C-alpha atoms as a PDB file:
ATOM      1  CA  MET A   1     -17.722 -12.854  -8.126  1.00  0.00           C
ATOM      2  CA  ALA A   2     -20.813 -13.312  -9.051  1.00  0.00           C
ATOM      3  CA  ALA A   3     -21.803 -12.122 -12.434  1.00  0.00           C
ATOM      4  CA  THR A   4     -24.577  -9.362 -12.640  1.00  0.00           C
ATOM      5  CA  THR A   5     -27.120  -9.042 -15.345  1.00  0.00           C
ATOM      6  CA  VAL A   6     -26.680  -6.292 -17.930  1.00  0.00           C
ATOM      7  CA  ASN A   7     -27.922  -2.576 -16.445  1.00  0.00           C
ATOM      8  CA  SER A   8     -29.445  -4.252 -13.465  1.00  0.00           C
ATOM      9  CA  GLN A   9     -27.070  -2.297 -11.034  1.00  0.00           C
ATOM     10  CA  THR A  10     -23.754  -0.310 -10.629  1.00  0.00           C
ATOM     11  CA  VAL A  11     -20.871  -1.895  -9.124  1.00  0.00           C
ATOM     12  CA  THR A  12     -19.783   0.345  -6.106  1.00  0.00           C
ATOM     13  CA  ARG A  13     -16.602   0.392  -4.301  1.00  0.00           C
ATOM     14  CA  GLN A  14     -18.683  -1.134  -1.379  1.00  0.00           C
ATOM     15  CA  ASP A  15     -19.465  -4.046  -3.916  1.00  0.00           C
ATOM     16  CA  LEU A  16     -15.920  -4.585  -4.602  1.00  0.00           C
ATOM     17  CA  ALA A  17     -15.195  -4.637  -0.887  1.00  0.00           C
ATOM     18  CA  GLU A  18     -17.485  -7.252  -0.363  1.00  0.00           C
ATOM     19  CA  ALA A  19     -16.141  -9.527  -3.266  1.00  0.00           C
ATOM     20  CA  VAL A  20     -12.849  -9.297  -1.803  1.00  0.00           C
ATOM     21  CA  TYR A  21     -14.434 -10.279   1.648  1.00  0.00           C
ATOM     22  CA  ARG A  22     -16.179 -13.389   0.205  1.00  0.00           C
ATOM     23  CA  GLU A  23     -13.458 -14.433  -2.114  1.00  0.00           C
ATOM     24  CA  ILE A  24     -10.252 -13.822  -0.186  1.00  0.00           C
ATOM     25  CA  GLY A  25     -11.727 -14.018   3.475  1.00  0.00           C
ATOM     26  CA  LEU A  26     -10.199 -10.752   4.741  1.00  0.00           C
ATOM     27  CA  SER A  27     -12.132  -8.997   7.183  1.00  0.00           C
ATOM     28  CA  ARG A  28     -14.901  -6.533   5.899  1.00  0.00           C
ATOM     29  CA  SER A  29     -12.806  -3.473   7.045  1.00  0.00           C
ATOM     30  CA  GLU A  30      -9.512  -4.924   5.668  1.00  0.00           C
ATOM     31  CA  SER A  31     -11.279  -5.414   2.208  1.00  0.00           C
ATOM     32  CA  SER A  32     -12.687  -2.125   2.139  1.00  0.00           C
ATOM     33  CA  THR A  33      -9.156  -0.666   3.085  1.00  0.00           C
ATOM     34  CA  LEU A  34      -7.418  -2.874   0.161  1.00  0.00           C
ATOM     35  CA  VAL A  35     -10.236  -1.655  -2.339  1.00  0.00           C
ATOM     36  CA  GLU A  36      -9.702   1.861  -1.302  1.00  0.00           C
ATOM     37  CA  ALA A  37      -5.635   1.428  -1.732  1.00  0.00           C
ATOM     38  CA  VAL A  38      -6.107   0.259  -5.022  1.00  0.00           C
ATOM     39  CA  ILE A  39      -8.449   2.659  -6.336  1.00  0.00           C
ATOM     40  CA  ASP A  40      -6.328   5.607  -4.971  1.00  0.00           C
ATOM     41  CA  HIS A  41      -3.166   4.092  -6.359  1.00  0.00           C
ATOM     42  CA  ILE A  42      -4.531   3.978  -9.746  1.00  0.00           C
ATOM     43  CA  GLY A  43      -5.753   7.520  -9.367  1.00  0.00           C
ATOM     44  CA  ASP A  44      -2.351   8.584  -8.234  1.00  0.00           C
ATOM     45  CA  ALA A  45      -0.524   7.082 -11.003  1.00  0.00           C
ATOM     46  CA  LEU A  46      -2.947   8.678 -13.581  1.00  0.00           C
ATOM     47  CA  VAL A  47      -2.547  12.145 -11.796  1.00  0.00           C
ATOM     48  CA  LYS A  48       1.133  11.668 -12.583  1.00  0.00           C
ATOM     49  CA  GLY A  49       0.460  10.820 -16.135  1.00  0.00           C
ATOM     50  CA  GLU A  50       1.622   7.346 -15.981  1.00  0.00           C
ATOM     51  CA  HIS A  51      -0.384   4.641 -17.662  1.00  0.00           C
ATOM     52  CA  VAL A  52      -2.224   1.695 -15.697  1.00  0.00           C
ATOM     53  CA  LYS A  53      -2.153  -1.369 -17.464  1.00  0.00           C
ATOM     54  CA  MET A  54      -4.249  -4.404 -16.008  1.00  0.00           C
ATOM     55  CA  ALA A  55      -3.586  -7.645 -17.696  1.00  0.00           C
ATOM     56  CA  GLY A  56      -6.626  -9.150 -18.630  1.00  0.00           C
ATOM     57  CA  PHE A  57      -8.738  -6.195 -18.214  1.00  0.00           C
ATOM     58  CA  GLY A  58      -7.214  -2.933 -19.904  1.00  0.00           C
ATOM     59  CA  THR A  59      -5.222   0.409 -19.948  1.00  0.00           C
ATOM     60  CA  PHE A  60      -6.118   3.612 -18.365  1.00  0.00           C
ATOM     61  CA  SER A  61      -4.276   6.488 -19.860  1.00  0.00           C
ATOM     62  CA  LEU A  62      -4.755  10.100 -20.562  1.00  0.00           C
ATOM     63  CA  ARG A  63      -4.848  11.714 -23.916  1.00  0.00           C
ATOM     64  CA  ASP A  64      -4.101  15.241 -25.142  1.00  0.00           C
ATOM     65  CA  LYS A  65      -6.905  16.414 -27.344  1.00  0.00           C
ATOM     66  CA  LYS A  66      -6.210  19.517 -29.539  1.00  0.00           C
ATOM     67  CA  GLU A  67      -8.176  22.411 -30.055  1.00  0.00           C
ATOM     68  CA  ARG A  68     -10.859  22.208 -32.568  1.00  0.00           C
ATOM     69  CA  ILE A  69     -14.201  23.695 -33.775  1.00  0.00           C
ATOM     70  CA  GLY A  70     -17.577  22.067 -32.591  1.00  0.00           C
ATOM     71  CA  ARG A  71     -21.000  22.654 -33.506  1.00  0.00           C
ATOM     72  CA  ASN A  72     -24.102  23.725 -31.185  1.00  0.00           C
ATOM     73  CA  PRO A  73     -26.442  21.069 -32.339  1.00  0.00           C
ATOM     74  CA  LYS A  74     -29.397  23.097 -31.675  1.00  0.00           C
ATOM     75  CA  THR A  75     -28.412  26.353 -33.384  1.00  0.00           C
ATOM     76  CA  GLY A  76     -25.668  25.199 -35.513  1.00  0.00           C
ATOM     77  CA  GLU A  77     -23.490  27.790 -34.481  1.00  0.00           C
ATOM     78  CA  GLU A  78     -19.663  27.227 -34.645  1.00  0.00           C
ATOM     79  CA  VAL A  79     -17.991  26.945 -31.214  1.00  0.00           C
ATOM     80  CA  PRO A  80     -14.123  26.697 -30.158  1.00  0.00           C
ATOM     81  CA  ILE A  81     -13.632  23.629 -28.032  1.00  0.00           C
ATOM     82  CA  THR A  82     -10.309  24.231 -25.853  1.00  0.00           C
ATOM     83  CA  SER A  83      -7.691  21.623 -26.002  1.00  0.00           C
ATOM     84  CA  ARG A  84      -7.729  19.373 -22.943  1.00  0.00           C
ATOM     85  CA  ARG A  85      -6.525  16.218 -21.489  1.00  0.00           C
ATOM     86  CA  VAL A  86      -8.872  13.300 -21.188  1.00  0.00           C
ATOM     87  CA  LEU A  87      -8.936  10.087 -19.230  1.00  0.00           C
ATOM     88  CA  VAL A  88      -9.222   6.852 -21.525  1.00  0.00           C
ATOM     89  CA  PHE A  89      -9.714   3.433 -20.870  1.00  0.00           C
ATOM     90  CA  LYS A  90      -9.071   1.002 -23.631  1.00  0.00           C
ATOM     91  CA  PRO A  91     -10.313  -2.827 -22.641  1.00  0.00           C
ATOM     92  CA  SER A  92      -7.946  -5.662 -23.212  1.00  0.00           C
ATOM     93  CA  GLN A  93      -8.684  -8.418 -25.674  1.00  0.00           C
ATOM     94  CA  VAL A  94      -9.571 -10.950 -22.875  1.00  0.00           C
ATOM     95  CA  LEU A  95     -12.210  -8.599 -21.486  1.00  0.00           C
ATOM     96  CA  ARG A  96     -13.740  -7.589 -24.771  1.00  0.00           C
ATOM     97  CA  GLU A  97     -14.265 -11.530 -25.640  1.00  0.00           C
ATOM     98  CA  ARG A  98     -15.683 -12.078 -22.260  1.00  0.00           C
ATOM     99  CA  VAL A  99     -17.976  -9.198 -22.427  1.00  0.00           C
ATOM    100  CA  ASP A 100     -19.167 -10.021 -26.101  1.00  0.00           C
ATOM    101  CA  SER A 101     -19.705 -13.736 -25.238  1.00  0.00           C
ATOM    102  CA  ALA A 102     -21.976 -12.745 -22.183  1.00  0.00           C
ATOM    103  CA  LEU A 103     -24.086 -10.214 -24.299  1.00  0.00           C
ATOM    104  CA  SER A 104     -24.303 -12.508 -27.461  1.00  0.00           C
ATOM    105  CA  PRO A 105     -27.594 -14.371 -27.841  1.00  0.00           C
ATOM    106  CA  LYS A 106     -27.626 -17.777 -26.650  1.00  0.00           C
ATOM    107  CA  SER A 107     -28.642 -20.181 -29.417  1.00  0.00           C
END
């Protein structure tokens, strides 16, 4: 896949399908179907509460956050924040290093 410059665009499902089409050689419709199937599988696993680990990329998981007291930044008023479950992504060390090296200034 071609590298994109920082903040130049958002990678969409269609972009991923196009990359599969170019790199793998599946038809455009097969590439789109494959991307949709992968995204659906990841979503289904997360809905079931499973962790999704992608070697060299990172881990998607759910984390339970406890109820706590927050503060309205405008008024300073204390506001209760209810407990909830949040989706978190932890990038792999490989991905971190790749992004860091791409973002570091070239000498």
